[in-house]
Amino acid sequence: MRVLVADDHPMYRDALELYLTRDWPQASLTAVGSLEELDALAQQPEGQDFDLVVMDWQLPGGEGGAGMDRLDAAGIDAPVAVVTGHDDAAIAREALTRGACAFLPKTLSSVALVQMLKVVAVGGSVVPADVALRMAGALPAALGGSGAASDSGGLLTERECQVLEHLAGGATNKEIGRVLDLQEVTIKLHTRRILRKLGAKNRVEAVTRARDLGLLGGP
């Protein structure tokens, strides 16, 4: 399994190599730090023979996404996972349109990142839920920012909306479960889903964003 890593940050390349060799021992890494180095691969023996490409969106020597074009020019035909510090929905859409199979934030845990790269290597596609929701217009373009939210109808299920209303009232999982006649573990599951769908780190942030989206009434 040959993996090409294209990223201009040496520390991140080293960390990624550590993650992959630890959890994916059959992976053999080749690293480049610029578009120029990427172009040079086409001149090397077996330089085009990769099973997976892990690429930063912005590489030195060109505009964002230029690396995707250079892969085609170099004859490198392998699934591409864009791993970047950007989480902008427009960039994600452009990356996928250009042929990337995944758009992954660098803030992912090492275990999650390696597992997602394995999915891409076998032909799958991966986009984080919050990025996908923003691409679909279900979340604001910049969470926590001043931009207006798009129509959020259908973002949460009816049950999740019920749980959210009780979260906004400060109820505990046990109290919500008692009112809704559900097990506490079920309430925990609904709460995790609510946080994931709203891109929130905790209950308070989820309630704030839900109000911003018009999912809750009152101040």
N, C-alpha and C. Protein backbone atom coordinates (compact mmCIF):
# COMPACT_ATOMS: atom_id res chain seq x y z
N MET A 1 0.85 -1.18 0.00
CA MET A 1 0.00 0.00 0.00
C MET A 1 0.89 1.24 0.00
N ARG A 2 1.00 1.92 -1.15
CA ARG A 2 1.84 3.11 -1.26
C ARG A 2 0.97 4.36 -1.07
N VAL A 3 1.39 5.21 -0.15
CA VAL A 3 0.63 6.42 0.18
C VAL A 3 1.49 7.64 -0.11
N LEU A 4 0.95 8.56 -0.89
CA LEU A 4 1.62 9.82 -1.16
C LEU A 4 1.03 10.90 -0.25
N VAL A 5 1.88 11.55 0.52
CA VAL A 5 1.47 12.63 1.41
C VAL A 5 2.03 13.94 0.85
N ALA A 6 1.15 14.85 0.48
CA ALA A 6 1.55 16.16 -0.06
C ALA A 6 1.13 17.24 0.92
N ASP A 7 2.09 17.74 1.71
CA ASP A 7 1.80 18.74 2.72
C ASP A 7 3.09 19.50 3.01
N ASP A 8 2.98 20.83 3.15
CA ASP A 8 4.19 21.63 3.32
C ASP A 8 4.62 21.79 4.78
N HIS A 9 3.92 21.16 5.71
CA HIS A 9 4.28 21.26 7.12
C HIS A 9 5.00 19.98 7.55
N PRO A 10 6.32 20.03 7.73
CA PRO A 10 7.09 18.83 8.08
C PRO A 10 6.59 18.14 9.35
N MET A 11 6.19 18.92 10.36
CA MET A 11 5.73 18.31 11.59
C MET A 11 4.45 17.51 11.37
N TYR A 12 3.56 18.04 10.52
CA TYR A 12 2.33 17.29 10.25
C TYR A 12 2.63 16.04 9.44
N ARG A 13 3.54 16.14 8.48
CA ARG A 13 3.92 14.96 7.70
C ARG A 13 4.50 13.89 8.61
N ASP A 14 5.36 14.30 9.54
CA ASP A 14 5.97 13.34 10.48
C ASP A 14 4.89 12.69 11.36
N ALA A 15 3.94 13.51 11.82
CA ALA A 15 2.88 12.98 12.68
C ALA A 15 2.01 11.99 11.90
N LEU A 16 1.69 12.35 10.65
CA LEU A 16 0.87 11.47 9.84
C LEU A 16 1.58 10.15 9.56
N GLU A 17 2.87 10.22 9.30
CA GLU A 17 3.63 8.98 9.08
C GLU A 17 3.60 8.11 10.33
N LEU A 18 3.70 8.74 11.50
CA LEU A 18 3.65 8.00 12.76
C LEU A 18 2.29 7.33 12.92
N TYR A 19 1.20 8.08 12.65
CA TYR A 19 -0.14 7.52 12.78
C TYR A 19 -0.32 6.32 11.85
N LEU A 20 0.11 6.49 10.59
CA LEU A 20 -0.13 5.44 9.60
C LEU A 20 0.70 4.20 9.87
N THR A 21 1.97 4.39 10.19
CA THR A 21 2.82 3.21 10.42
C THR A 21 2.43 2.49 11.70
N ARG A 22 1.84 3.22 12.65
CA ARG A 22 1.41 2.60 13.90
C ARG A 22 0.13 1.78 13.71
N ASP A 23 -0.85 2.36 13.01
CA ASP A 23 -2.16 1.73 12.88
C ASP A 23 -2.38 1.05 11.53
N TRP A 24 -1.47 1.27 10.59
CA TRP A 24 -1.63 0.73 9.24
C TRP A 24 -0.25 0.30 8.75
N PRO A 25 0.31 -0.75 9.35
CA PRO A 25 1.72 -1.10 9.12
C PRO A 25 2.06 -1.44 7.67
N GLN A 26 1.07 -1.81 6.87
CA GLN A 26 1.38 -2.14 5.48
C GLN A 26 1.52 -0.91 4.59
N ALA A 27 1.30 0.27 5.16
CA ALA A 27 1.38 1.50 4.37
C ALA A 27 2.83 1.96 4.25
N SER A 28 3.24 2.31 3.03
CA SER A 28 4.56 2.85 2.77
C SER A 28 4.40 4.28 2.26
N LEU A 29 5.03 5.25 2.95
CA LEU A 29 4.78 6.66 2.66
C LEU A 29 5.86 7.30 1.80
N THR A 30 5.41 8.15 0.88
CA THR A 30 6.27 9.06 0.14
C THR A 30 5.75 10.46 0.41
N ALA A 31 6.61 11.39 0.81
CA ALA A 31 6.15 12.73 1.18
C ALA A 31 6.75 13.79 0.28
N VAL A 32 5.93 14.78 -0.09
CA VAL A 32 6.37 15.96 -0.82
C VAL A 32 5.80 17.18 -0.12
N GLY A 33 6.49 18.34 -0.28
CA GLY A 33 6.07 19.53 0.43
C GLY A 33 5.67 20.69 -0.45
N SER A 34 5.66 20.48 -1.77
CA SER A 34 5.31 21.57 -2.67
C SER A 34 4.82 21.02 -4.00
N LEU A 35 4.25 21.90 -4.83
CA LEU A 35 3.82 21.48 -6.17
C LEU A 35 5.02 21.09 -7.02
N GLU A 36 6.14 21.77 -6.83
CA GLU A 36 7.35 21.43 -7.59
C GLU A 36 7.81 20.02 -7.28
N GLU A 37 7.80 19.65 -6.01
CA GLU A 37 8.20 18.29 -5.63
C GLU A 37 7.20 17.27 -6.16
N LEU A 38 5.93 17.68 -6.20
CA LEU A 38 4.90 16.78 -6.73
C LEU A 38 5.13 16.53 -8.22
N ASP A 39 5.49 17.59 -8.96
CA ASP A 39 5.78 17.45 -10.39
C ASP A 39 6.97 16.51 -10.62
N ALA A 40 7.95 16.58 -9.74
CA ALA A 40 9.17 15.79 -9.91
C ALA A 40 8.91 14.29 -9.78
N LEU A 41 7.82 13.93 -9.09
CA LEU A 41 7.52 12.50 -8.92
C LEU A 41 7.30 11.81 -10.25
N ALA A 42 6.75 12.54 -11.21
CA ALA A 42 6.45 11.93 -12.51
C ALA A 42 7.72 11.49 -13.23
N GLN A 43 8.88 12.03 -12.83
CA GLN A 43 10.14 11.69 -13.49
C GLN A 43 10.87 10.55 -12.81
N GLN A 44 10.33 10.07 -11.68
CA GLN A 44 11.00 9.03 -10.92
C GLN A 44 10.44 7.65 -11.26
N PRO A 45 11.27 6.60 -11.17
CA PRO A 45 10.76 5.23 -11.39
C PRO A 45 9.63 4.91 -10.41
N GLU A 46 8.54 4.43 -10.93
CA GLU A 46 7.36 4.08 -10.13
C GLU A 46 6.80 5.30 -9.39
N GLY A 47 7.16 6.50 -9.85
CA GLY A 47 6.71 7.71 -9.17
C GLY A 47 5.22 7.93 -9.27
N GLN A 48 4.56 7.28 -10.21
CA GLN A 48 3.14 7.48 -10.40
C GLN A 48 2.29 6.39 -9.75
N ASP A 49 2.94 5.41 -9.19
CA ASP A 49 2.23 4.22 -8.70
C ASP A 49 1.88 4.35 -7.22
N PHE A 50 0.72 4.95 -6.93
CA PHE A 50 0.26 5.11 -5.56
C PHE A 50 -1.14 4.53 -5.39
N ASP A 51 -1.43 4.10 -4.18
CA ASP A 51 -2.75 3.56 -3.87
C ASP A 51 -3.65 4.57 -3.17
N LEU A 52 -3.03 5.63 -2.61
CA LEU A 52 -3.78 6.66 -1.90
C LEU A 52 -2.96 7.94 -1.87
N VAL A 53 -3.66 9.08 -2.05
CA VAL A 53 -3.01 10.38 -1.94
C VAL A 53 -3.66 11.16 -0.80
N VAL A 54 -2.84 11.64 0.13
CA VAL A 54 -3.32 12.49 1.23
C VAL A 54 -2.73 13.88 0.98
N MET A 55 -3.59 14.86 0.67
CA MET A 55 -3.10 16.14 0.17
C MET A 55 -3.69 17.33 0.92
N ASP A 56 -2.81 18.27 1.28
CA ASP A 56 -3.27 19.55 1.81
C ASP A 56 -3.87 20.34 0.65
N TRP A 57 -4.91 21.13 0.95
CA TRP A 57 -5.57 21.90 -0.10
C TRP A 57 -4.66 22.99 -0.66
N GLN A 58 -3.85 23.59 0.20
CA GLN A 58 -3.00 24.70 -0.21
C GLN A 58 -1.55 24.29 -0.16
N LEU A 59 -0.93 24.08 -1.31
CA LEU A 59 0.48 23.71 -1.38
C LEU A 59 1.29 24.88 -1.95
N PRO A 60 2.51 25.08 -1.47
CA PRO A 60 3.35 26.16 -2.01
C PRO A 60 3.55 26.00 -3.51
N GLY A 61 3.49 27.15 -4.20
CA GLY A 61 3.72 27.13 -5.65
C GLY A 61 2.48 27.30 -6.48
N GLY A 62 1.32 27.44 -5.83
CA GLY A 62 0.09 27.60 -6.60
C GLY A 62 -1.09 27.93 -5.71
N GLU A 63 -2.22 28.12 -6.33
CA GLU A 63 -3.43 28.43 -5.59
C GLU A 63 -4.01 27.18 -4.96
N GLY A 64 -4.98 27.38 -4.05
CA GLY A 64 -5.63 26.26 -3.40
C GLY A 64 -6.24 25.30 -4.40
N GLY A 65 -5.98 24.03 -4.20
CA GLY A 65 -6.53 23.02 -5.10
C GLY A 65 -5.69 22.73 -6.32
N ALA A 66 -4.58 23.47 -6.50
CA ALA A 66 -3.75 23.25 -7.69
C ALA A 66 -3.14 21.86 -7.69
N GLY A 67 -2.95 21.30 -6.50
CA GLY A 67 -2.37 19.97 -6.43
C GLY A 67 -3.21 18.91 -7.12
N MET A 68 -4.54 19.11 -7.13
CA MET A 68 -5.41 18.16 -7.81
C MET A 68 -5.09 18.11 -9.30
N ASP A 69 -4.84 19.29 -9.89
CA ASP A 69 -4.51 19.36 -11.31
C ASP A 69 -3.14 18.73 -11.58
N ARG A 70 -2.21 18.94 -10.65
CA ARG A 70 -0.86 18.40 -10.84
C ARG A 70 -0.86 16.88 -10.78
N LEU A 71 -1.74 16.30 -9.99
CA LEU A 71 -1.84 14.85 -9.93
C LEU A 71 -2.21 14.29 -11.30
N ASP A 72 -3.17 14.94 -11.95
CA ASP A 72 -3.58 14.50 -13.29
C ASP A 72 -2.42 14.63 -14.26
N ALA A 73 -1.71 15.77 -14.20
CA ALA A 73 -0.60 16.01 -15.11
C ALA A 73 0.52 15.00 -14.90
N ALA A 74 0.70 14.56 -13.64
CA ALA A 74 1.76 13.60 -13.32
C ALA A 74 1.34 12.16 -13.60
N GLY A 75 0.08 11.98 -13.98
CA GLY A 75 -0.41 10.63 -14.25
C GLY A 75 -0.67 9.81 -13.01
N ILE A 76 -0.86 10.48 -11.87
CA ILE A 76 -1.13 9.77 -10.61
C ILE A 76 -2.63 9.55 -10.49
N ASP A 77 -3.04 8.33 -10.61
CA ASP A 77 -4.47 7.99 -10.60
C ASP A 77 -4.75 7.15 -9.35
N ALA A 78 -5.04 7.84 -8.25
CA ALA A 78 -5.30 7.17 -6.98
C ALA A 78 -6.35 7.97 -6.23
N PRO A 79 -7.09 7.34 -5.32
CA PRO A 79 -8.07 8.08 -4.52
C PRO A 79 -7.37 9.18 -3.73
N VAL A 80 -8.01 10.34 -3.68
CA VAL A 80 -7.42 11.50 -3.01
C VAL A 80 -8.24 11.89 -1.79
N ALA A 81 -7.56 12.04 -0.66
CA ALA A 81 -8.18 12.58 0.55
C ALA A 81 -7.56 13.94 0.82
N VAL A 82 -8.37 14.98 0.74
CA VAL A 82 -7.90 16.32 1.08
C VAL A 82 -7.98 16.46 2.60
N VAL A 83 -6.83 16.65 3.24
CA VAL A 83 -6.75 16.81 4.69
C VAL A 83 -6.22 18.21 4.95
N THR A 84 -7.04 19.07 5.53
CA THR A 84 -6.73 20.48 5.55
C THR A 84 -7.18 21.16 6.83
N GLY A 85 -6.63 22.34 7.07
CA GLY A 85 -7.06 23.15 8.19
C GLY A 85 -8.31 23.94 7.89
N HIS A 86 -8.75 23.95 6.62
CA HIS A 86 -9.96 24.65 6.23
C HIS A 86 -11.17 23.74 6.43
N ASP A 87 -12.30 24.33 6.85
CA ASP A 87 -13.54 23.54 6.91
C ASP A 87 -14.66 24.26 6.18
N ASP A 88 -14.27 25.13 5.25
CA ASP A 88 -15.23 25.91 4.48
C ASP A 88 -15.98 25.01 3.51
N ALA A 89 -17.31 25.15 3.49
CA ALA A 89 -18.14 24.29 2.65
C ALA A 89 -17.85 24.50 1.17
N ALA A 90 -17.53 25.74 0.78
CA ALA A 90 -17.25 26.02 -0.63
C ALA A 90 -15.97 25.32 -1.07
N ILE A 91 -14.96 25.30 -0.19
CA ILE A 91 -13.72 24.60 -0.52
C ILE A 91 -13.96 23.10 -0.58
N ALA A 92 -14.75 22.59 0.35
CA ALA A 92 -15.08 21.17 0.34
C ALA A 92 -15.78 20.80 -0.96
N ARG A 93 -16.71 21.63 -1.38
CA ARG A 93 -17.45 21.36 -2.62
C ARG A 93 -16.51 21.36 -3.82
N GLU A 94 -15.58 22.33 -3.85
CA GLU A 94 -14.64 22.39 -4.96
C GLU A 94 -13.72 21.17 -4.97
N ALA A 95 -13.25 20.77 -3.78
CA ALA A 95 -12.36 19.61 -3.70
C ALA A 95 -13.05 18.35 -4.21
N LEU A 96 -14.30 18.16 -3.81
CA LEU A 96 -15.04 16.97 -4.24
C LEU A 96 -15.35 17.04 -5.72
N THR A 97 -15.65 18.25 -6.22
CA THR A 97 -15.93 18.42 -7.64
C THR A 97 -14.70 18.10 -8.49
N ARG A 98 -13.54 18.43 -7.96
CA ARG A 98 -12.28 18.17 -8.68
C ARG A 98 -11.88 16.70 -8.61
N GLY A 99 -12.58 15.91 -7.83
CA GLY A 99 -12.31 14.48 -7.81
C GLY A 99 -11.84 13.91 -6.50
N ALA A 100 -11.73 14.74 -5.45
CA ALA A 100 -11.33 14.20 -4.14
C ALA A 100 -12.42 13.26 -3.61
N CYS A 101 -12.00 12.23 -2.91
CA CYS A 101 -12.93 11.27 -2.31
C CYS A 101 -13.23 11.58 -0.85
N ALA A 102 -12.45 12.50 -0.27
CA ALA A 102 -12.67 12.84 1.14
C ALA A 102 -12.20 14.27 1.37
N PHE A 103 -12.84 14.94 2.33
CA PHE A 103 -12.46 16.28 2.76
C PHE A 103 -12.42 16.23 4.28
N LEU A 104 -11.21 16.16 4.84
CA LEU A 104 -11.05 15.87 6.27
C LEU A 104 -10.28 16.98 6.98
N PRO A 105 -10.77 17.43 8.15
CA PRO A 105 -10.06 18.45 8.91
C PRO A 105 -8.85 17.86 9.63
N LYS A 106 -7.82 18.67 9.79
CA LYS A 106 -6.62 18.22 10.50
C LYS A 106 -6.85 18.09 11.99
N THR A 107 -7.99 18.55 12.46
CA THR A 107 -8.30 18.44 13.89
C THR A 107 -8.83 17.06 14.28
N LEU A 108 -9.01 16.16 13.32
CA LEU A 108 -9.47 14.81 13.64
C LEU A 108 -8.45 14.10 14.52
N SER A 109 -8.93 13.21 15.36
CA SER A 109 -8.03 12.38 16.14
C SER A 109 -7.25 11.46 15.21
N SER A 110 -6.08 11.01 15.66
CA SER A 110 -5.26 10.15 14.82
C SER A 110 -5.98 8.86 14.45
N VAL A 111 -6.71 8.29 15.40
CA VAL A 111 -7.42 7.04 15.15
C VAL A 111 -8.51 7.25 14.10
N ALA A 112 -9.28 8.32 14.26
CA ALA A 112 -10.36 8.60 13.30
C ALA A 112 -9.79 8.88 11.91
N LEU A 113 -8.71 9.65 11.85
CA LEU A 113 -8.12 9.99 10.56
C LEU A 113 -7.66 8.74 9.82
N VAL A 114 -6.94 7.87 10.50
CA VAL A 114 -6.43 6.66 9.84
C VAL A 114 -7.59 5.79 9.36
N GLN A 115 -8.62 5.64 10.17
CA GLN A 115 -9.76 4.82 9.76
C GLN A 115 -10.45 5.40 8.53
N MET A 116 -10.57 6.73 8.48
CA MET A 116 -11.20 7.36 7.33
C MET A 116 -10.34 7.22 6.08
N LEU A 117 -9.03 7.30 6.24
CA LEU A 117 -8.14 7.11 5.09
C LEU A 117 -8.23 5.69 4.57
N LYS A 118 -8.42 4.73 5.46
CA LYS A 118 -8.59 3.34 5.02
C LYS A 118 -9.86 3.20 4.19
N VAL A 119 -10.91 3.92 4.58
CA VAL A 119 -12.16 3.88 3.82
C VAL A 119 -11.92 4.42 2.41
N VAL A 120 -11.18 5.53 2.31
CA VAL A 120 -10.89 6.13 1.00
C VAL A 120 -10.06 5.17 0.15
N ALA A 121 -9.08 4.50 0.77
CA ALA A 121 -8.19 3.61 0.03
C ALA A 121 -8.92 2.46 -0.63
N VAL A 122 -10.06 2.05 -0.07
CA VAL A 122 -10.81 0.93 -0.65
C VAL A 122 -11.98 1.41 -1.51
N GLY A 123 -11.97 2.71 -1.85
CA GLY A 123 -12.97 3.22 -2.77
C GLY A 123 -14.12 3.98 -2.15
N GLY A 124 -14.06 4.24 -0.84
CA GLY A 124 -15.15 4.96 -0.19
C GLY A 124 -14.95 6.46 -0.22
N SER A 125 -15.95 7.20 0.28
CA SER A 125 -15.90 8.65 0.37
C SER A 125 -16.25 9.08 1.79
N VAL A 126 -15.59 10.14 2.28
CA VAL A 126 -15.81 10.59 3.64
C VAL A 126 -15.85 12.12 3.69
N VAL A 127 -16.90 12.66 4.30
CA VAL A 127 -17.00 14.10 4.57
C VAL A 127 -17.60 14.24 5.96
N PRO A 128 -16.98 15.02 6.88
CA PRO A 128 -17.54 15.19 8.22
C PRO A 128 -18.96 15.72 8.17
N ALA A 129 -19.76 15.33 9.16
CA ALA A 129 -21.17 15.69 9.15
C ALA A 129 -21.39 17.19 9.13
N ASP A 130 -20.60 17.96 9.92
CA ASP A 130 -20.83 19.40 9.96
C ASP A 130 -20.52 20.06 8.63
N VAL A 131 -19.47 19.60 7.93
CA VAL A 131 -19.15 20.14 6.62
C VAL A 131 -20.23 19.78 5.62
N ALA A 132 -20.68 18.53 5.65
CA ALA A 132 -21.74 18.08 4.73
C ALA A 132 -23.02 18.88 4.94
N LEU A 133 -23.35 19.15 6.19
CA LEU A 133 -24.56 19.91 6.48
C LEU A 133 -24.44 21.34 5.98
N ARG A 134 -23.26 21.94 6.11
CA ARG A 134 -23.08 23.29 5.60
C ARG A 134 -23.15 23.30 4.08
N MET A 135 -22.61 22.26 3.45
CA MET A 135 -22.71 22.16 1.99
C MET A 135 -24.16 22.07 1.55
N ALA A 136 -24.99 21.41 2.38
CA ALA A 136 -26.40 21.25 2.05
C ALA A 136 -27.23 22.47 2.46
N GLY A 137 -26.57 23.45 3.13
CA GLY A 137 -27.29 24.63 3.55
C GLY A 137 -28.06 24.45 4.84
N ALA A 138 -27.76 23.39 5.58
CA ALA A 138 -28.51 23.13 6.81
C ALA A 138 -27.89 23.78 8.03
N LEU A 139 -26.64 24.24 7.91
CA LEU A 139 -25.98 24.95 9.00
C LEU A 139 -25.43 26.26 8.46
N PRO A 140 -25.20 27.25 9.34
CA PRO A 140 -24.61 28.50 8.88
C PRO A 140 -23.26 28.27 8.25
N ALA A 141 -22.87 29.13 7.31
CA ALA A 141 -21.59 28.98 6.62
C ALA A 141 -20.43 29.03 7.58
N ALA A 142 -20.55 29.82 8.66
CA ALA A 142 -19.50 29.88 9.67
C ALA A 142 -20.14 29.73 11.03
N LEU A 143 -20.02 28.55 11.63
CA LEU A 143 -20.65 28.30 12.91
C LEU A 143 -20.11 29.26 13.95
N GLY A 144 -21.03 29.87 14.68
CA GLY A 144 -20.62 30.81 15.70
C GLY A 144 -20.33 32.18 15.14
N GLY A 145 -20.43 32.36 13.82
CA GLY A 145 -20.16 33.64 13.19
C GLY A 145 -21.41 34.47 13.08
N SER A 146 -21.33 35.54 12.27
CA SER A 146 -22.44 36.46 12.16
C SER A 146 -23.27 36.23 10.92
N GLY A 147 -22.90 35.23 10.10
CA GLY A 147 -23.66 34.99 8.89
C GLY A 147 -25.04 34.47 9.19
N ALA A 148 -25.98 34.76 8.28
CA ALA A 148 -27.35 34.30 8.49
C ALA A 148 -27.45 32.82 8.18
N ALA A 149 -28.26 32.11 8.96
CA ALA A 149 -28.44 30.68 8.76
C ALA A 149 -29.38 30.43 7.60
N SER A 150 -29.14 29.33 6.90
CA SER A 150 -30.04 28.93 5.85
C SER A 150 -31.22 28.20 6.45
N ASP A 151 -32.18 27.85 5.64
CA ASP A 151 -33.34 27.09 6.10
C ASP A 151 -32.87 25.79 6.72
N SER A 152 -33.28 25.53 7.95
CA SER A 152 -32.80 24.36 8.67
C SER A 152 -33.88 23.31 8.86
N GLY A 153 -34.95 23.41 8.15
CA GLY A 153 -36.01 22.43 8.29
C GLY A 153 -35.51 21.03 8.00
N GLY A 154 -35.87 20.08 8.89
CA GLY A 154 -35.45 18.70 8.68
C GLY A 154 -34.08 18.39 9.26
N LEU A 155 -33.41 19.38 9.87
CA LEU A 155 -32.09 19.14 10.43
C LEU A 155 -32.16 18.13 11.57
N LEU A 156 -33.13 18.30 12.46
CA LEU A 156 -33.31 17.39 13.59
C LEU A 156 -34.61 16.61 13.44
N THR A 157 -34.61 15.38 13.97
CA THR A 157 -35.84 14.59 13.96
C THR A 157 -36.81 15.15 15.00
N GLU A 158 -38.05 14.68 14.96
CA GLU A 158 -39.04 15.14 15.92
C GLU A 158 -38.60 14.82 17.35
N ARG A 159 -38.07 13.62 17.57
CA ARG A 159 -37.63 13.24 18.91
C ARG A 159 -36.45 14.09 19.36
N GLU A 160 -35.52 14.35 18.44
CA GLU A 160 -34.37 15.18 18.79
C GLU A 160 -34.81 16.59 19.15
N CYS A 161 -35.83 17.10 18.47
CA CYS A 161 -36.36 18.42 18.82
C CYS A 161 -36.96 18.41 20.22
N GLN A 162 -37.63 17.33 20.58
CA GLN A 162 -38.20 17.22 21.93
C GLN A 162 -37.09 17.22 22.98
N VAL A 163 -36.05 16.44 22.72
CA VAL A 163 -34.92 16.40 23.65
C VAL A 163 -34.26 17.77 23.74
N LEU A 164 -34.11 18.42 22.61
CA LEU A 164 -33.47 19.73 22.57
C LEU A 164 -34.25 20.75 23.41
N GLU A 165 -35.57 20.70 23.34
CA GLU A 165 -36.39 21.62 24.13
C GLU A 165 -36.11 21.44 25.63
N HIS A 166 -35.96 20.21 26.06
CA HIS A 166 -35.67 19.95 27.47
C HIS A 166 -34.24 20.32 27.83
N LEU A 167 -33.31 20.13 26.88
CA LEU A 167 -31.94 20.56 27.12
C LEU A 167 -31.90 22.07 27.34
N ALA A 168 -32.67 22.78 26.54
CA ALA A 168 -32.72 24.24 26.66
C ALA A 168 -33.27 24.66 28.01
N GLY A 169 -34.09 23.81 28.61
CA GLY A 169 -34.65 24.11 29.92
C GLY A 169 -33.75 23.69 31.07
N GLY A 170 -32.58 23.12 30.73
CA GLY A 170 -31.63 22.74 31.76
C GLY A 170 -31.87 21.38 32.38
N ALA A 171 -32.73 20.56 31.81
CA ALA A 171 -33.04 19.25 32.38
C ALA A 171 -31.87 18.29 32.20
N THR A 172 -31.72 17.36 33.13
CA THR A 172 -30.69 16.32 33.02
C THR A 172 -31.20 15.19 32.13
N ASN A 173 -30.28 14.29 31.74
CA ASN A 173 -30.68 13.15 30.92
C ASN A 173 -31.75 12.31 31.63
N LYS A 174 -31.56 12.11 32.93
CA LYS A 174 -32.52 11.32 33.69
C LYS A 174 -33.89 11.99 33.70
N GLU A 175 -33.90 13.30 33.89
CA GLU A 175 -35.17 14.04 33.92
C GLU A 175 -35.87 14.01 32.56
N ILE A 176 -35.07 14.15 31.49
CA ILE A 176 -35.65 14.12 30.14
C ILE A 176 -36.22 12.73 29.87
N GLY A 177 -35.46 11.70 30.26
CA GLY A 177 -35.93 10.33 30.04
C GLY A 177 -37.23 10.05 30.78
N ARG A 178 -37.37 10.60 31.97
CA ARG A 178 -38.59 10.39 32.75
C ARG A 178 -39.78 11.05 32.06
N VAL A 179 -39.58 12.26 31.55
CA VAL A 179 -40.68 12.99 30.89
C VAL A 179 -41.08 12.33 29.57
N LEU A 180 -40.08 11.88 28.81
CA LEU A 180 -40.36 11.30 27.49
C LEU A 180 -40.55 9.79 27.55
N ASP A 181 -40.43 9.21 28.74
CA ASP A 181 -40.58 7.78 28.92
C ASP A 181 -39.55 7.01 28.09
N LEU A 182 -38.29 7.44 28.20
CA LEU A 182 -37.19 6.81 27.48
C LEU A 182 -36.06 6.50 28.46
N GLN A 183 -35.24 5.52 28.11
CA GLN A 183 -34.08 5.18 28.92
C GLN A 183 -33.06 6.33 28.88
N GLU A 184 -32.32 6.48 29.98
CA GLU A 184 -31.31 7.55 30.03
C GLU A 184 -30.27 7.39 28.93
N VAL A 185 -29.88 6.14 28.62
CA VAL A 185 -28.90 5.90 27.57
C VAL A 185 -29.42 6.36 26.21
N THR A 186 -30.73 6.26 26.01
CA THR A 186 -31.33 6.73 24.75
C THR A 186 -31.26 8.24 24.65
N ILE A 187 -31.46 8.93 25.77
CA ILE A 187 -31.36 10.38 25.79
C ILE A 187 -29.92 10.81 25.49
N LYS A 188 -28.95 10.08 26.03
CA LYS A 188 -27.55 10.38 25.76
C LYS A 188 -27.26 10.26 24.25
N LEU A 189 -27.83 9.22 23.63
CA LEU A 189 -27.63 9.01 22.20
C LEU A 189 -28.23 10.16 21.40
N HIS A 190 -29.46 10.56 21.75
CA HIS A 190 -30.10 11.68 21.05
C HIS A 190 -29.28 12.96 21.24
N THR A 191 -28.75 13.16 22.45
CA THR A 191 -27.97 14.36 22.72
C THR A 191 -26.70 14.40 21.88
N ARG A 192 -26.01 13.26 21.76
CA ARG A 192 -24.81 13.20 20.93
C ARG A 192 -25.14 13.52 19.48
N ARG A 193 -26.26 13.01 19.01
CA ARG A 193 -26.65 13.29 17.63
C ARG A 193 -26.97 14.77 17.43
N ILE A 194 -27.63 15.37 18.40
CA ILE A 194 -27.96 16.79 18.33
C ILE A 194 -26.67 17.62 18.26
N LEU A 195 -25.70 17.30 19.13
CA LEU A 195 -24.45 18.04 19.14
C LEU A 195 -23.72 17.89 17.81
N ARG A 196 -23.72 16.66 17.27
CA ARG A 196 -23.03 16.42 16.00
C ARG A 196 -23.70 17.19 14.87
N LYS A 197 -25.02 17.14 14.80
CA LYS A 197 -25.73 17.81 13.72
C LYS A 197 -25.60 19.33 13.77
N LEU A 198 -25.50 19.87 14.98
CA LEU A 198 -25.37 21.31 15.14
C LEU A 198 -23.92 21.77 15.17
N GLY A 199 -22.99 20.82 15.13
CA GLY A 199 -21.57 21.17 15.17
C GLY A 199 -21.18 21.80 16.49
N ALA A 200 -21.82 21.37 17.59
CA ALA A 200 -21.59 21.96 18.91
C ALA A 200 -20.72 21.05 19.75
N LYS A 201 -19.97 21.66 20.69
CA LYS A 201 -19.08 20.91 21.57
C LYS A 201 -19.77 20.49 22.86
N ASN A 202 -20.82 21.20 23.25
CA ASN A 202 -21.51 20.89 24.49
C ASN A 202 -22.96 21.33 24.40
N ARG A 203 -23.73 21.08 25.46
CA ARG A 203 -25.16 21.38 25.46
C ARG A 203 -25.44 22.88 25.31
N VAL A 204 -24.67 23.68 26.03
CA VAL A 204 -24.91 25.13 26.00
C VAL A 204 -24.72 25.66 24.58
N GLU A 205 -23.64 25.21 23.93
CA GLU A 205 -23.38 25.65 22.57
C GLU A 205 -24.45 25.14 21.62
N ALA A 206 -24.93 23.92 21.84
CA ALA A 206 -25.99 23.36 21.00
C ALA A 206 -27.27 24.19 21.11
N VAL A 207 -27.63 24.56 22.32
CA VAL A 207 -28.84 25.36 22.53
C VAL A 207 -28.70 26.73 21.88
N THR A 208 -27.52 27.33 22.02
CA THR A 208 -27.28 28.64 21.41
C THR A 208 -27.42 28.58 19.89
N ARG A 209 -26.82 27.56 19.29
CA ARG A 209 -26.88 27.44 17.84
C ARG A 209 -28.28 27.08 17.37
N ALA A 210 -28.97 26.27 18.16
CA ALA A 210 -30.34 25.92 17.80
C ALA A 210 -31.22 27.17 17.78
N ARG A 211 -31.00 28.07 18.73
CA ARG A 211 -31.77 29.31 18.75
C ARG A 211 -31.42 30.19 17.55
N ASP A 212 -30.13 30.23 17.22
CA ASP A 212 -29.71 30.99 16.05
C ASP A 212 -30.35 30.47 14.76
N LEU A 213 -30.56 29.14 14.71
CA LEU A 213 -31.17 28.52 13.54
C LEU A 213 -32.69 28.57 13.57
N GLY A 214 -33.24 29.08 14.66
CA GLY A 214 -34.69 29.16 14.75
C GLY A 214 -35.33 27.86 15.15
N LEU A 215 -34.56 26.93 15.73
CA LEU A 215 -35.10 25.64 16.15
C LEU A 215 -35.72 25.71 17.53
N LEU A 216 -35.45 26.81 18.24
CA LEU A 216 -36.01 26.99 19.58
C LEU A 216 -36.64 28.37 19.66
N GLY A 217 -37.70 28.46 20.39
CA GLY A 217 -38.33 29.76 20.58
C GLY A 217 -37.75 30.45 21.79
N GLY A 218 -37.98 31.74 21.90
CA GLY A 218 -37.57 32.48 23.09
C GLY A 218 -36.13 32.91 23.03
N PRO A 219 -35.73 33.81 23.95
CA PRO A 219 -34.36 34.33 23.97
C PRO A 219 -33.38 33.30 24.49
